[in-house]
Amino acid sequence: MKRLLHRTNAIWLALLAATALTTWLGEHAGAQGLGAGAAVVVMALSAGKGCLIVLDYMELRHAPALWRRLLLGWLAAVVLLVLAATLWPR
């Protein structure tokens, strides 16, 4: 019997939901004064999406640990730099 929801499809749906939430936050958070909090949530969603893409779509979940560490470390560094630049006092 076929499974209706394969892992790849479930991840794709999670990526769509995270993208929709990110878009909604980008549209509505500024109007409600949630700038810093929304930025943290958006960057957390981006990091989660990046991890799913690296591990599952790029198929590095079962790759050598060095490749996973390099790409996930790069992702973490970029997310932290963008978050720091966003929250840096003006």
N, C-alpha and C. Protein backbone atom coordinates (compact mmCIF):
# COMPACT_ATOMS: atom_id res chain seq x y z
N MET A 1 0.83 -1.19 0.00
CA MET A 1 0.00 0.00 0.00
C MET A 1 0.88 1.26 0.00
N LYS A 2 0.54 2.18 -0.84
CA LYS A 2 1.32 3.42 -0.95
C LYS A 2 1.05 4.32 0.23
N ARG A 3 2.11 4.97 0.67
CA ARG A 3 1.93 6.01 1.69
C ARG A 3 1.50 7.29 0.99
N LEU A 4 0.53 7.95 1.56
CA LEU A 4 0.01 9.16 0.93
C LEU A 4 0.96 10.35 1.09
N LEU A 5 1.69 10.37 2.18
CA LEU A 5 2.54 11.51 2.44
C LEU A 5 3.97 11.03 2.65
N HIS A 6 4.77 11.07 1.61
CA HIS A 6 6.17 10.68 1.71
C HIS A 6 6.94 11.78 2.43
N ARG A 7 8.13 11.44 2.89
CA ARG A 7 8.95 12.39 3.62
C ARG A 7 9.21 13.66 2.80
N THR A 8 9.52 13.50 1.54
CA THR A 8 9.80 14.65 0.68
C THR A 8 8.58 15.55 0.56
N ASN A 9 7.41 14.96 0.43
CA ASN A 9 6.18 15.76 0.34
C ASN A 9 5.89 16.48 1.65
N ALA A 10 6.13 15.81 2.77
CA ALA A 10 5.90 16.44 4.08
C ALA A 10 6.86 17.62 4.26
N ILE A 11 8.10 17.46 3.85
CA ILE A 11 9.07 18.55 3.95
C ILE A 11 8.68 19.70 3.04
N TRP A 12 8.22 19.38 1.86
CA TRP A 12 7.78 20.41 0.92
C TRP A 12 6.62 21.21 1.50
N LEU A 13 5.66 20.52 2.14
CA LEU A 13 4.55 21.22 2.76
C LEU A 13 5.01 22.09 3.93
N ALA A 14 5.97 21.60 4.70
CA ALA A 14 6.53 22.39 5.80
C ALA A 14 7.23 23.64 5.26
N LEU A 15 7.96 23.50 4.16
CA LEU A 15 8.62 24.65 3.55
C LEU A 15 7.60 25.66 3.05
N LEU A 16 6.51 25.19 2.46
CA LEU A 16 5.44 26.09 2.00
C LEU A 16 4.81 26.83 3.17
N ALA A 17 4.54 26.11 4.26
CA ALA A 17 3.93 26.74 5.43
C ALA A 17 4.87 27.79 6.04
N ALA A 18 6.16 27.46 6.13
CA ALA A 18 7.13 28.41 6.69
C ALA A 18 7.25 29.64 5.79
N THR A 19 7.20 29.45 4.49
CA THR A 19 7.26 30.57 3.56
C THR A 19 6.02 31.45 3.70
N ALA A 20 4.85 30.83 3.83
CA ALA A 20 3.62 31.60 4.01
C ALA A 20 3.66 32.40 5.31
N LEU A 21 4.14 31.79 6.39
CA LEU A 21 4.22 32.49 7.67
C LEU A 21 5.22 33.64 7.59
N THR A 22 6.35 33.41 6.92
CA THR A 22 7.35 34.46 6.76
C THR A 22 6.78 35.64 5.97
N THR A 23 6.06 35.34 4.91
CA THR A 23 5.45 36.39 4.10
C THR A 23 4.41 37.16 4.91
N TRP A 24 3.59 36.45 5.67
CA TRP A 24 2.59 37.11 6.48
C TRP A 24 3.24 38.01 7.53
N LEU A 25 4.28 37.51 8.18
CA LEU A 25 4.99 38.33 9.18
C LEU A 25 5.61 39.57 8.54
N GLY A 26 6.17 39.41 7.35
CA GLY A 26 6.76 40.55 6.66
C GLY A 26 5.74 41.61 6.32
N GLU A 27 4.52 41.20 6.03
CA GLU A 27 3.46 42.15 5.67
C GLU A 27 2.84 42.81 6.89
N HIS A 28 2.67 42.08 7.99
CA HIS A 28 1.87 42.57 9.10
C HIS A 28 2.65 42.95 10.35
N ALA A 29 3.85 42.46 10.51
CA ALA A 29 4.59 42.71 11.76
C ALA A 29 4.98 44.18 11.90
N GLY A 30 5.35 44.82 10.81
CA GLY A 30 5.75 46.22 10.88
C GLY A 30 4.60 47.12 11.29
N ALA A 31 3.40 46.81 10.83
CA ALA A 31 2.23 47.61 11.16
C ALA A 31 1.84 47.46 12.62
N GLN A 32 2.19 46.32 13.22
CA GLN A 32 1.81 46.07 14.61
C GLN A 32 2.94 46.34 15.58
N GLY A 33 4.06 46.83 15.10
CA GLY A 33 5.17 47.16 15.98
C GLY A 33 5.94 45.97 16.52
N LEU A 34 6.01 44.89 15.78
CA LEU A 34 6.71 43.68 16.21
C LEU A 34 8.02 43.50 15.46
N GLY A 35 8.71 44.57 15.15
CA GLY A 35 9.88 44.52 14.30
C GLY A 35 10.95 43.55 14.73
N ALA A 36 11.50 43.70 15.93
CA ALA A 36 12.61 42.84 16.37
C ALA A 36 12.15 41.42 16.60
N GLY A 37 10.99 41.25 17.21
CA GLY A 37 10.47 39.90 17.44
C GLY A 37 10.18 39.17 16.14
N ALA A 38 9.61 39.89 15.20
CA ALA A 38 9.31 39.29 13.90
C ALA A 38 10.60 38.94 13.16
N ALA A 39 11.62 39.76 13.30
CA ALA A 39 12.90 39.47 12.64
C ALA A 39 13.50 38.18 13.18
N VAL A 40 13.41 37.98 14.47
CA VAL A 40 13.94 36.76 15.07
C VAL A 40 13.16 35.54 14.58
N VAL A 41 11.84 35.66 14.52
CA VAL A 41 11.01 34.54 14.05
C VAL A 41 11.29 34.25 12.58
N VAL A 42 11.40 35.29 11.77
CA VAL A 42 11.68 35.10 10.34
C VAL A 42 13.04 34.43 10.14
N MET A 43 14.04 34.86 10.89
CA MET A 43 15.36 34.24 10.74
C MET A 43 15.37 32.80 11.26
N ALA A 44 14.61 32.52 12.30
CA ALA A 44 14.51 31.13 12.79
C ALA A 44 13.83 30.24 11.76
N LEU A 45 12.78 30.77 11.13
CA LEU A 45 12.13 30.01 10.06
C LEU A 45 13.08 29.81 8.88
N SER A 46 13.84 30.82 8.55
CA SER A 46 14.80 30.70 7.45
C SER A 46 15.86 29.66 7.76
N ALA A 47 16.34 29.64 8.99
CA ALA A 47 17.34 28.65 9.39
C ALA A 47 16.76 27.24 9.32
N GLY A 48 15.53 27.09 9.78
CA GLY A 48 14.89 25.78 9.70
C GLY A 48 14.69 25.32 8.27
N LYS A 49 14.26 26.24 7.42
CA LYS A 49 14.09 25.91 6.01
C LYS A 49 15.42 25.53 5.37
N GLY A 50 16.46 26.29 5.70
CA GLY A 50 17.78 25.97 5.17
C GLY A 50 18.27 24.61 5.60
N CYS A 51 18.04 24.26 6.86
CA CYS A 51 18.44 22.93 7.35
C CYS A 51 17.71 21.83 6.59
N LEU A 52 16.41 22.00 6.40
CA LEU A 52 15.65 20.99 5.66
C LEU A 52 16.16 20.85 4.22
N ILE A 53 16.45 21.97 3.60
CA ILE A 53 16.95 21.92 2.22
C ILE A 53 18.31 21.24 2.15
N VAL A 54 19.21 21.63 3.05
CA VAL A 54 20.56 21.04 3.05
C VAL A 54 20.51 19.54 3.34
N LEU A 55 19.76 19.16 4.35
CA LEU A 55 19.78 17.76 4.77
C LEU A 55 18.97 16.85 3.86
N ASP A 56 17.83 17.32 3.37
CA ASP A 56 16.95 16.43 2.63
C ASP A 56 16.99 16.63 1.12
N TYR A 57 16.86 17.86 0.65
CA TYR A 57 16.85 18.07 -0.79
C TYR A 57 18.25 17.97 -1.40
N MET A 58 19.26 18.38 -0.65
CA MET A 58 20.63 18.21 -1.12
C MET A 58 21.18 16.83 -0.72
N GLU A 59 20.38 16.07 0.00
CA GLU A 59 20.68 14.70 0.41
C GLU A 59 21.97 14.58 1.20
N LEU A 60 22.19 15.51 2.11
CA LEU A 60 23.39 15.46 2.95
C LEU A 60 23.12 14.83 4.31
N ARG A 61 21.91 14.35 4.55
CA ARG A 61 21.59 13.72 5.83
C ARG A 61 22.48 12.50 6.08
N HIS A 62 22.81 11.78 5.03
CA HIS A 62 23.64 10.57 5.17
C HIS A 62 25.03 10.75 4.55
N ALA A 63 25.38 11.98 4.27
CA ALA A 63 26.70 12.28 3.71
C ALA A 63 27.74 12.31 4.84
N PRO A 64 29.01 12.37 4.48
CA PRO A 64 30.04 12.49 5.52
C PRO A 64 29.79 13.73 6.40
N ALA A 65 30.13 13.58 7.66
CA ALA A 65 29.85 14.63 8.65
C ALA A 65 30.50 15.96 8.28
N LEU A 66 31.66 15.91 7.65
CA LEU A 66 32.35 17.15 7.28
C LEU A 66 31.48 18.03 6.39
N TRP A 67 30.84 17.44 5.38
CA TRP A 67 30.00 18.21 4.46
C TRP A 67 28.81 18.82 5.19
N ARG A 68 28.16 18.02 6.04
CA ARG A 68 27.03 18.54 6.81
C ARG A 68 27.47 19.70 7.70
N ARG A 69 28.58 19.52 8.40
CA ARG A 69 29.06 20.57 9.30
C ARG A 69 29.43 21.84 8.55
N LEU A 70 30.07 21.69 7.40
CA LEU A 70 30.43 22.87 6.61
C LEU A 70 29.20 23.65 6.15
N LEU A 71 28.24 22.96 5.56
CA LEU A 71 27.07 23.67 5.04
C LEU A 71 26.17 24.20 6.15
N LEU A 72 25.96 23.43 7.20
CA LEU A 72 25.11 23.91 8.29
C LEU A 72 25.81 25.01 9.08
N GLY A 73 27.13 24.93 9.19
CA GLY A 73 27.89 26.00 9.85
C GLY A 73 27.83 27.29 9.04
N TRP A 74 27.96 27.18 7.73
CA TRP A 74 27.84 28.35 6.86
C TRP A 74 26.45 28.96 7.00
N LEU A 75 25.43 28.12 7.00
CA LEU A 75 24.06 28.60 7.16
C LEU A 75 23.88 29.32 8.49
N ALA A 76 24.40 28.75 9.56
CA ALA A 76 24.29 29.37 10.88
C ALA A 76 25.01 30.71 10.91
N ALA A 77 26.19 30.77 10.30
CA ALA A 77 26.95 32.03 10.28
C ALA A 77 26.20 33.11 9.53
N VAL A 78 25.63 32.78 8.39
CA VAL A 78 24.89 33.76 7.60
C VAL A 78 23.65 34.25 8.35
N VAL A 79 22.91 33.32 8.94
CA VAL A 79 21.70 33.69 9.67
C VAL A 79 22.06 34.59 10.85
N LEU A 80 23.10 34.25 11.59
CA LEU A 80 23.50 35.06 12.74
C LEU A 80 23.99 36.44 12.31
N LEU A 81 24.72 36.52 11.21
CA LEU A 81 25.18 37.83 10.72
C LEU A 81 24.01 38.71 10.27
N VAL A 82 23.06 38.13 9.57
CA VAL A 82 21.91 38.91 9.13
C VAL A 82 21.07 39.35 10.33
N LEU A 83 20.90 38.45 11.29
CA LEU A 83 20.15 38.80 12.50
C LEU A 83 20.86 39.89 13.30
N ALA A 84 22.18 39.79 13.41
CA ALA A 84 22.94 40.82 14.13
C ALA A 84 22.84 42.16 13.41
N ALA A 85 22.91 42.16 12.10
CA ALA A 85 22.80 43.41 11.34
C ALA A 85 21.40 44.00 11.47
N THR A 86 20.40 43.15 11.58
CA THR A 86 19.02 43.62 11.72
C THR A 86 18.77 44.23 13.10
N LEU A 87 19.32 43.60 14.12
CA LEU A 87 19.05 44.04 15.50
C LEU A 87 20.08 45.04 16.03
N TRP A 88 21.11 45.34 15.26
CA TRP A 88 22.15 46.28 15.71
C TRP A 88 21.52 47.64 15.94
N PRO A 89 21.81 48.25 17.10
CA PRO A 89 21.20 49.57 17.37
C PRO A 89 21.70 50.63 16.38
N ARG A 90 20.80 51.48 15.98
CA ARG A 90 21.13 52.50 14.97
C ARG A 90 21.61 53.74 15.60
